[in-house]
Every structure is written in structure tokens, then in C-alpha cells.
Protein backbone atom coordinates (compact mmCIF):
# COMPACT_ATOMS: atom_id res chain seq x y z
CA MET A 1 -7.33 18.46 -9.83
CA ALA A 2 -9.58 18.52 -6.53
CA LEU A 3 -8.17 17.66 -3.38
CA LEU A 4 -11.53 16.04 -1.97
CA LYS A 5 -13.17 12.87 -3.57
CA ALA A 6 -16.86 12.84 -4.44
CA PRO A 7 -19.29 12.44 -1.53
CA THR A 8 -20.39 9.22 0.06
CA LYS A 9 -23.10 8.61 2.66
CA HIS A 10 -22.40 8.71 6.26
CA LYS A 11 -24.16 9.13 9.42
CA THR A 12 -23.96 13.14 10.12
CA THR A 13 -24.95 15.44 12.87
CA SER A 14 -25.40 19.32 12.90
CA LEU A 15 -23.11 22.00 13.82
CA GLN A 16 -23.17 25.74 13.63
CA VAL A 17 -20.11 27.81 12.91
CA ARG A 18 -19.27 31.22 11.90
CA LEU A 19 -16.87 32.07 9.23
CA GLU A 20 -15.35 34.86 7.82
CA GLU A 21 -16.94 36.22 4.79
CA ASP A 22 -14.33 35.38 2.15
CA VAL A 23 -13.78 31.80 3.73
CA ARG A 24 -17.80 31.34 3.42
CA VAL A 25 -17.42 32.46 -0.51
CA SER A 26 -14.55 30.20 -1.18
CA LEU A 27 -16.33 27.24 0.80
CA ASN A 28 -19.14 27.47 -1.40
CA LYS A 29 -17.06 28.13 -4.54
CA TYR A 30 -15.17 25.00 -3.76
CA ALA A 31 -18.15 22.81 -3.13
CA GLN A 32 -19.48 23.78 -6.38
CA PHE A 33 -16.29 23.16 -8.25
CA ILE A 34 -16.32 19.46 -6.94
CA ASP A 35 -20.13 19.28 -7.22
CA ALA A 36 -20.64 18.57 -3.55
CA THR A 37 -22.04 20.41 -0.43
CA PRO A 38 -20.36 22.87 1.77
CA SER A 39 -20.93 20.57 4.52
CA TYR A 40 -19.26 17.76 2.52
CA VAL A 41 -16.23 19.97 1.97
CA VAL A 42 -16.03 21.21 5.59
CA SER A 43 -15.87 17.59 6.93
CA GLU A 44 -13.62 16.36 4.34
CA ALA A 45 -11.16 19.25 5.04
CA LEU A 46 -11.24 18.64 8.86
CA LYS A 47 -10.65 14.83 8.18
CA LEU A 48 -7.56 15.95 6.13
CA LEU A 49 -6.32 17.97 9.16
CA PHE A 50 -7.06 15.51 11.39
CA LYS A 51 -5.11 13.27 9.23
CA ARG A 52 -1.80 15.20 8.92
CA ASP A 53 -1.70 17.28 12.07
CA GLN A 54 0.97 14.97 14.03
CA GLU A 55 1.21 17.10 17.04
CA PHE A 56 -2.61 16.63 17.28
CA LYS A 57 -2.61 13.14 16.65
CA ARG A 58 0.25 12.59 19.93
CA TRP A 59 -2.16 15.06 22.00
CA LEU A 60 -5.26 12.65 20.94
CA GLY A 61 -3.18 9.62 21.90
CA GLN A 62 -2.38 11.07 25.49
CA HIS A 63 -6.10 12.10 26.10
CA ALA A 64 -7.91 8.79 24.81
CA LYS A 65 -8.05 7.28 28.25
CA SER A 66 -11.04 9.14 29.39
CA GLY A 67 -14.77 7.76 29.63
CA GLY A 68 -17.98 8.24 28.19
CA GLN A 69 -19.12 10.61 25.40
CA VAL A 70 -15.82 11.99 25.53
CA GLN A 71 -14.11 8.89 24.63
CA ASN A 72 -16.57 8.10 21.60
CA GLU A 73 -15.73 11.45 20.15
CA GLU A 74 -11.89 10.96 20.55
CA ALA A 75 -12.16 7.47 19.01
CA ALA A 76 -13.93 9.15 16.08
CA LEU A 77 -11.28 11.66 15.86
CA ALA A 78 -8.67 9.12 16.23
CA LYS A 79 -10.31 7.00 13.30
CA ALA A 80 -10.66 10.10 10.84
CA ALA A 81 -6.95 11.09 11.60
CA SER A 82 -5.57 7.39 10.77
CA GLN A 83 -7.85 7.14 7.50
CA THR A 84 -5.88 7.42 4.08
């Protein structure tokens, strides 16, 4: 049973990352397994991480008082962390 659900349409942005080769291979295989893109797998895995990391949620709550772009990014992270 796959841990991630099938992809839905969301507004996206680009991010370039460097991965260990074995992680990249597993990422591509998992994406193939659930019939999704590697980008979708990374996005959903990060949402799962943000949702389950209680220490990060506490830290985010303490740092959500800043302004501008940082606040918008933190609000998006908080939303991702709180989604079921």
C-alpha cells in the first residue's frame, strides 16, 4: 500500500536540490510505483515531514511573528504541517 496519494493540481514553484545517487534512484522508483512525478513525491514527503515533526511545529509557532515574505512562507509551512 502506497503512503502517498495520487497527485492533485496545486500552484507550484521550482527548487533545485542535490541528492545522493541512491536517494535519487529510490525517488524515481517510488514515483514510478505510485504513477506520479518525482517532484510530487518530494512535495508530499515534505508535507508529511512537516505534519509529523512536533518540534518543528513548535519552532514554527515561535517564529511566525516575522513579516513579509518570510511570514507568507511560514504560513504555507504551518498550513502544510496542519493538513491531514
